[in-house]
Amino acid sequence: MYLYLSVICVWLVNKVINFKFPDKGELERLGKNERLNLFRRYFATSRYNRLLIQKSLIKSAYNESSPSEITELERLHNRDFFDKVSTVKEYGILDEFIDAAKEEEHGLQKIIEAYDKRITNQSLP
């Protein structure tokens, strides 16, 4: 199944979303804000895929999922990230990607803090 969003193409592969960056020429035609939004969508997709991987891991406790299948999903997810970093370096827009990465890191930190607070409150007598 193919879904077209703006200038990106994503498709479902084994229930995870494969997020493909536009080619260098298309990225250059986009404005800085559009590229930032593209990177934000990439990070949102990455979070979604991480949740699917976590769900597969949890489900493996009661179904016949192979640990190697889950490990492969993790490996592919990580490889995709490193490939994206290489691509933005090659295209000369690493600084913009890092701006979006810092936003993502901040958002993740807020989620972690909320979980920390919840866990701490639950463990009190």
N, C-alpha and C. Protein backbone atom coordinates (compact mmCIF):
# COMPACT_ATOMS: atom_id res chain seq x y z
N MET A 1 0.85 -1.16 0.00
CA MET A 1 0.00 0.00 0.00
C MET A 1 0.90 1.24 0.00
N TYR A 2 0.60 2.19 -0.84
CA TYR A 2 1.36 3.44 -0.92
C TYR A 2 0.51 4.58 -0.41
N LEU A 3 1.13 5.48 0.34
CA LEU A 3 0.49 6.70 0.80
C LEU A 3 1.38 7.85 0.38
N TYR A 4 0.83 8.85 -0.27
CA TYR A 4 1.64 10.00 -0.66
C TYR A 4 1.31 11.17 0.25
N LEU A 5 2.33 11.70 0.89
CA LEU A 5 2.18 12.85 1.78
C LEU A 5 3.12 13.92 1.30
N SER A 6 2.59 15.01 0.80
CA SER A 6 3.42 16.12 0.37
C SER A 6 4.45 15.62 -0.62
N VAL A 7 5.73 15.87 -0.33
CA VAL A 7 6.79 15.47 -1.25
C VAL A 7 7.44 14.17 -0.83
N ILE A 8 6.86 13.49 0.17
CA ILE A 8 7.46 12.24 0.62
C ILE A 8 6.58 11.08 0.25
N CYS A 9 7.16 9.94 0.19
CA CYS A 9 6.42 8.72 -0.07
C CYS A 9 6.70 7.77 1.10
N VAL A 10 5.65 7.27 1.71
CA VAL A 10 5.82 6.28 2.76
C VAL A 10 5.03 5.04 2.36
N TRP A 11 5.50 3.90 2.77
CA TRP A 11 4.74 2.70 2.52
C TRP A 11 4.88 1.76 3.69
N LEU A 12 3.87 0.92 3.83
CA LEU A 12 3.87 -0.01 4.94
C LEU A 12 4.65 -1.26 4.54
N VAL A 13 5.61 -1.61 5.36
CA VAL A 13 6.41 -2.81 5.16
C VAL A 13 6.43 -3.53 6.49
N ASN A 14 5.84 -4.71 6.52
CA ASN A 14 5.76 -5.46 7.78
C ASN A 14 5.18 -4.60 8.90
N LYS A 15 4.19 -3.80 8.58
CA LYS A 15 3.47 -2.94 9.52
C LYS A 15 4.27 -1.71 9.97
N VAL A 16 5.53 -1.60 9.64
CA VAL A 16 6.26 -0.38 9.97
C VAL A 16 6.24 0.54 8.75
N ILE A 17 6.42 1.81 8.98
CA ILE A 17 6.38 2.78 7.89
C ILE A 17 7.80 3.06 7.42
N ASN A 18 8.02 2.95 6.15
CA ASN A 18 9.31 3.29 5.55
C ASN A 18 9.21 4.72 5.04
N PHE A 19 9.95 5.61 5.64
CA PHE A 19 9.90 7.03 5.33
C PHE A 19 11.07 7.34 4.40
N LYS A 20 10.77 7.77 3.18
CA LYS A 20 11.80 8.05 2.19
C LYS A 20 11.92 9.56 1.99
N PHE A 21 13.14 10.06 2.16
CA PHE A 21 13.38 11.47 1.89
C PHE A 21 13.34 11.73 0.39
N PRO A 22 12.91 12.92 0.00
CA PRO A 22 12.99 13.30 -1.42
C PRO A 22 14.46 13.35 -1.86
N ASP A 23 14.68 13.38 -3.16
CA ASP A 23 16.07 13.49 -3.64
C ASP A 23 16.62 14.88 -3.33
N LYS A 24 17.91 15.04 -3.56
CA LYS A 24 18.59 16.28 -3.20
C LYS A 24 17.96 17.50 -3.88
N GLY A 25 17.65 17.37 -5.15
CA GLY A 25 17.05 18.50 -5.88
C GLY A 25 15.73 18.94 -5.28
N GLU A 26 14.89 17.98 -4.93
CA GLU A 26 13.60 18.31 -4.33
C GLU A 26 13.79 18.93 -2.95
N LEU A 27 14.71 18.39 -2.17
CA LEU A 27 14.98 18.99 -0.86
C LEU A 27 15.49 20.42 -0.98
N GLU A 28 16.30 20.68 -2.00
CA GLU A 28 16.82 22.03 -2.21
C GLU A 28 15.70 22.99 -2.61
N ARG A 29 14.70 22.49 -3.33
CA ARG A 29 13.57 23.33 -3.74
C ARG A 29 12.65 23.66 -2.56
N LEU A 30 12.67 22.82 -1.55
CA LEU A 30 11.86 23.10 -0.37
C LEU A 30 12.49 24.23 0.42
N GLY A 31 11.68 25.00 1.08
CA GLY A 31 12.22 26.02 1.98
C GLY A 31 12.69 25.38 3.28
N LYS A 32 13.42 26.14 4.04
CA LYS A 32 13.96 25.64 5.31
C LYS A 32 12.84 25.15 6.23
N ASN A 33 11.75 25.90 6.33
CA ASN A 33 10.64 25.49 7.20
C ASN A 33 9.99 24.20 6.70
N GLU A 34 9.87 24.04 5.39
CA GLU A 34 9.31 22.80 4.85
C GLU A 34 10.21 21.61 5.15
N ARG A 35 11.53 21.82 5.05
CA ARG A 35 12.46 20.74 5.39
C ARG A 35 12.37 20.39 6.87
N LEU A 36 12.25 21.42 7.72
CA LEU A 36 12.11 21.17 9.15
C LEU A 36 10.85 20.35 9.42
N ASN A 37 9.75 20.69 8.76
CA ASN A 37 8.52 19.91 8.92
C ASN A 37 8.68 18.49 8.41
N LEU A 38 9.41 18.33 7.33
CA LEU A 38 9.70 16.99 6.81
C LEU A 38 10.46 16.17 7.85
N PHE A 39 11.46 16.77 8.46
CA PHE A 39 12.24 16.07 9.48
C PHE A 39 11.38 15.77 10.71
N ARG A 40 10.48 16.66 11.06
CA ARG A 40 9.56 16.40 12.18
C ARG A 40 8.68 15.19 11.86
N ARG A 41 8.19 15.11 10.63
CA ARG A 41 7.38 13.95 10.23
C ARG A 41 8.21 12.68 10.26
N TYR A 42 9.46 12.79 9.87
CA TYR A 42 10.35 11.62 9.93
C TYR A 42 10.48 11.13 11.38
N PHE A 43 10.71 12.05 12.32
CA PHE A 43 10.86 11.64 13.71
C PHE A 43 9.55 11.09 14.27
N ALA A 44 8.42 11.64 13.87
CA ALA A 44 7.13 11.11 14.30
C ALA A 44 6.96 9.68 13.79
N THR A 45 7.34 9.45 12.54
CA THR A 45 7.27 8.11 11.96
C THR A 45 8.20 7.16 12.70
N SER A 46 9.37 7.64 13.05
CA SER A 46 10.33 6.82 13.79
C SER A 46 9.76 6.41 15.15
N ARG A 47 9.12 7.34 15.85
CA ARG A 47 8.50 7.02 17.14
C ARG A 47 7.41 5.97 16.95
N TYR A 48 6.60 6.14 15.93
CA TYR A 48 5.54 5.18 15.63
C TYR A 48 6.13 3.79 15.39
N ASN A 49 7.18 3.73 14.58
CA ASN A 49 7.82 2.45 14.30
C ASN A 49 8.39 1.82 15.56
N ARG A 50 8.98 2.64 16.43
CA ARG A 50 9.51 2.13 17.71
C ARG A 50 8.40 1.50 18.53
N LEU A 51 7.23 2.13 18.54
CA LEU A 51 6.10 1.55 19.27
C LEU A 51 5.68 0.22 18.68
N LEU A 52 5.69 0.11 17.36
CA LEU A 52 5.36 -1.17 16.73
C LEU A 52 6.38 -2.24 17.09
N ILE A 53 7.64 -1.86 17.15
CA ILE A 53 8.69 -2.81 17.54
C ILE A 53 8.48 -3.24 18.98
N GLN A 54 8.19 -2.28 19.87
CA GLN A 54 7.94 -2.61 21.28
C GLN A 54 6.72 -3.52 21.40
N LYS A 55 5.69 -3.25 20.63
CA LYS A 55 4.49 -4.08 20.66
C LYS A 55 4.83 -5.51 20.22
N SER A 56 5.65 -5.65 19.19
CA SER A 56 6.06 -6.98 18.75
C SER A 56 6.84 -7.70 19.84
N LEU A 57 7.69 -6.97 20.52
CA LEU A 57 8.47 -7.56 21.61
C LEU A 57 7.53 -8.07 22.71
N ILE A 58 6.57 -7.26 23.11
CA ILE A 58 5.61 -7.64 24.15
C ILE A 58 4.80 -8.86 23.71
N LYS A 59 4.33 -8.83 22.46
CA LYS A 59 3.53 -9.94 21.95
C LYS A 59 4.32 -11.25 21.90
N SER A 60 5.63 -11.15 21.81
CA SER A 60 6.44 -12.38 21.73
C SER A 60 6.35 -13.20 23.01
N ALA A 61 5.86 -12.61 24.10
CA ALA A 61 5.69 -13.34 25.35
C ALA A 61 4.59 -14.40 25.23
N TYR A 62 3.64 -14.17 24.33
CA TYR A 62 2.53 -15.12 24.23
C TYR A 62 2.26 -15.65 22.82
N ASN A 63 3.07 -15.26 21.86
CA ASN A 63 2.89 -15.85 20.53
C ASN A 63 4.22 -16.42 20.07
N GLU A 64 4.26 -16.85 18.87
CA GLU A 64 5.44 -17.53 18.36
C GLU A 64 6.41 -16.61 17.63
N SER A 65 6.37 -15.32 17.92
CA SER A 65 7.31 -14.40 17.28
C SER A 65 8.74 -14.81 17.61
N SER A 66 9.54 -14.77 16.61
CA SER A 66 10.94 -15.12 16.79
C SER A 66 11.72 -13.92 17.29
N PRO A 67 12.56 -14.13 18.30
CA PRO A 67 13.41 -13.01 18.76
C PRO A 67 14.24 -12.43 17.62
N SER A 68 14.62 -13.27 16.66
CA SER A 68 15.43 -12.76 15.54
C SER A 68 14.62 -11.81 14.66
N GLU A 69 13.32 -12.01 14.55
CA GLU A 69 12.47 -11.09 13.78
C GLU A 69 12.44 -9.72 14.43
N ILE A 70 12.32 -9.71 15.75
CA ILE A 70 12.27 -8.44 16.48
C ILE A 70 13.63 -7.76 16.43
N THR A 71 14.67 -8.54 16.59
CA THR A 71 16.03 -7.99 16.50
C THR A 71 16.28 -7.39 15.11
N GLU A 72 15.75 -8.04 14.08
CA GLU A 72 15.91 -7.53 12.71
C GLU A 72 15.16 -6.22 12.53
N LEU A 73 13.95 -6.10 13.09
CA LEU A 73 13.22 -4.84 13.02
C LEU A 73 14.00 -3.72 13.69
N GLU A 74 14.58 -4.01 14.85
CA GLU A 74 15.42 -3.03 15.55
C GLU A 74 16.61 -2.63 14.68
N ARG A 75 17.27 -3.62 14.11
CA ARG A 75 18.45 -3.35 13.29
C ARG A 75 18.09 -2.48 12.09
N LEU A 76 17.00 -2.82 11.43
CA LEU A 76 16.57 -2.04 10.26
C LEU A 76 16.20 -0.61 10.65
N HIS A 77 15.55 -0.47 11.78
CA HIS A 77 15.16 0.87 12.25
C HIS A 77 16.40 1.72 12.53
N ASN A 78 17.37 1.14 13.21
CA ASN A 78 18.60 1.87 13.51
C ASN A 78 19.38 2.19 12.24
N ARG A 79 19.46 1.22 11.34
CA ARG A 79 20.18 1.42 10.07
C ARG A 79 19.54 2.56 9.28
N ASP A 80 18.21 2.60 9.26
CA ASP A 80 17.51 3.66 8.55
C ASP A 80 17.89 5.03 9.12
N PHE A 81 17.96 5.13 10.44
CA PHE A 81 18.33 6.41 11.05
C PHE A 81 19.73 6.82 10.61
N PHE A 82 20.68 5.92 10.70
CA PHE A 82 22.06 6.26 10.32
C PHE A 82 22.15 6.60 8.83
N ASP A 83 21.34 5.93 8.00
CA ASP A 83 21.30 6.27 6.58
C ASP A 83 20.76 7.69 6.37
N LYS A 84 19.73 8.05 7.14
CA LYS A 84 19.16 9.41 7.02
C LYS A 84 20.20 10.45 7.43
N VAL A 85 20.96 10.18 8.49
CA VAL A 85 22.00 11.12 8.92
C VAL A 85 23.03 11.26 7.81
N SER A 86 23.44 10.15 7.20
CA SER A 86 24.40 10.22 6.08
C SER A 86 23.85 11.03 4.92
N THR A 87 22.57 10.84 4.63
CA THR A 87 21.94 11.56 3.52
C THR A 87 21.95 13.06 3.77
N VAL A 88 21.53 13.48 4.97
CA VAL A 88 21.47 14.93 5.22
C VAL A 88 22.87 15.53 5.28
N LYS A 89 23.85 14.75 5.71
CA LYS A 89 25.24 15.23 5.67
C LYS A 89 25.67 15.45 4.22
N GLU A 90 25.39 14.45 3.40
CA GLU A 90 25.75 14.51 1.98
C GLU A 90 25.07 15.69 1.29
N TYR A 91 23.83 15.97 1.66
CA TYR A 91 23.06 17.05 1.04
C TYR A 91 23.39 18.42 1.62
N GLY A 92 24.20 18.46 2.68
CA GLY A 92 24.59 19.73 3.28
C GLY A 92 23.53 20.38 4.15
N ILE A 93 22.62 19.57 4.69
CA ILE A 93 21.55 20.13 5.52
C ILE A 93 21.52 19.47 6.90
N LEU A 94 22.67 19.00 7.34
CA LEU A 94 22.75 18.35 8.64
C LEU A 94 22.30 19.28 9.76
N ASP A 95 22.66 20.56 9.67
CA ASP A 95 22.30 21.51 10.73
C ASP A 95 20.78 21.60 10.90
N GLU A 96 20.03 21.54 9.81
CA GLU A 96 18.57 21.59 9.89
C GLU A 96 18.03 20.30 10.51
N PHE A 97 18.62 19.18 10.14
CA PHE A 97 18.22 17.90 10.70
C PHE A 97 18.48 17.89 12.20
N ILE A 98 19.63 18.43 12.61
CA ILE A 98 19.98 18.49 14.03
C ILE A 98 18.99 19.37 14.78
N ASP A 99 18.54 20.46 14.19
CA ASP A 99 17.52 21.30 14.83
C ASP A 99 16.27 20.47 15.13
N ALA A 100 15.83 19.69 14.16
CA ALA A 100 14.65 18.84 14.36
C ALA A 100 14.95 17.74 15.37
N ALA A 101 16.17 17.20 15.35
CA ALA A 101 16.56 16.16 16.30
C ALA A 101 16.53 16.70 17.73
N LYS A 102 16.98 17.93 17.91
CA LYS A 102 16.96 18.54 19.24
C LYS A 102 15.53 18.75 19.73
N GLU A 103 14.64 19.15 18.83
CA GLU A 103 13.22 19.27 19.18
C GLU A 103 12.68 17.92 19.62
N GLU A 104 13.02 16.89 18.85
CA GLU A 104 12.57 15.54 19.17
C GLU A 104 13.12 15.09 20.52
N GLU A 105 14.39 15.36 20.75
CA GLU A 105 15.00 14.99 22.03
C GLU A 105 14.28 15.68 23.18
N HIS A 106 13.96 16.95 23.02
CA HIS A 106 13.24 17.70 24.05
C HIS A 106 11.86 17.07 24.31
N GLY A 107 11.16 16.75 23.25
CA GLY A 107 9.86 16.11 23.40
C GLY A 107 9.95 14.76 24.10
N LEU A 108 10.95 13.98 23.73
CA LEU A 108 11.15 12.69 24.38
C LEU A 108 11.49 12.86 25.85
N GLN A 109 12.29 13.88 26.16
CA GLN A 109 12.64 14.14 27.56
C GLN A 109 11.39 14.45 28.38
N LYS A 110 10.46 15.21 27.80
CA LYS A 110 9.20 15.53 28.49
C LYS A 110 8.40 14.25 28.77
N ILE A 111 8.37 13.35 27.80
CA ILE A 111 7.67 12.08 27.98
C ILE A 111 8.33 11.26 29.08
N ILE A 112 9.66 11.21 29.07
CA ILE A 112 10.41 10.47 30.09
C ILE A 112 10.13 11.05 31.47
N GLU A 113 10.13 12.38 31.58
CA GLU A 113 9.86 13.02 32.87
C GLU A 113 8.45 12.69 33.36
N ALA A 114 7.49 12.65 32.46
CA ALA A 114 6.12 12.30 32.85
C ALA A 114 6.07 10.86 33.36
N TYR A 115 6.76 9.96 32.69
CA TYR A 115 6.82 8.57 33.16
C TYR A 115 7.54 8.48 34.49
N ASP A 116 8.66 9.22 34.64
CA ASP A 116 9.39 9.22 35.91
C ASP A 116 8.47 9.65 37.05
N LYS A 117 7.73 10.72 36.82
CA LYS A 117 6.83 11.24 37.85
C LYS A 117 5.75 10.22 38.18
N ARG A 118 5.20 9.61 37.16
CA ARG A 118 4.14 8.62 37.36
C ARG A 118 4.67 7.41 38.13
N ILE A 119 5.85 6.93 37.75
CA ILE A 119 6.44 5.77 38.41
C ILE A 119 6.78 6.10 39.86
N THR A 120 7.33 7.28 40.09
CA THR A 120 7.68 7.70 41.45
C THR A 120 6.43 7.79 42.32
N ASN A 121 5.37 8.37 41.80
CA ASN A 121 4.12 8.50 42.55
C ASN A 121 3.47 7.15 42.83
N GLN A 122 3.61 6.21 41.93
CA GLN A 122 3.02 4.88 42.12
C GLN A 122 3.79 4.06 43.15
N SER A 123 5.08 4.34 43.29
CA SER A 123 5.88 3.54 44.21
C SER A 123 5.82 4.04 45.64
N LEU A 124 5.21 5.21 45.85
CA LEU A 124 5.07 5.74 47.22
C LEU A 124 3.96 4.98 47.94
N PRO A 125 4.14 4.76 49.28
CA PRO A 125 3.09 4.03 50.03
C PRO A 125 1.80 4.79 50.15
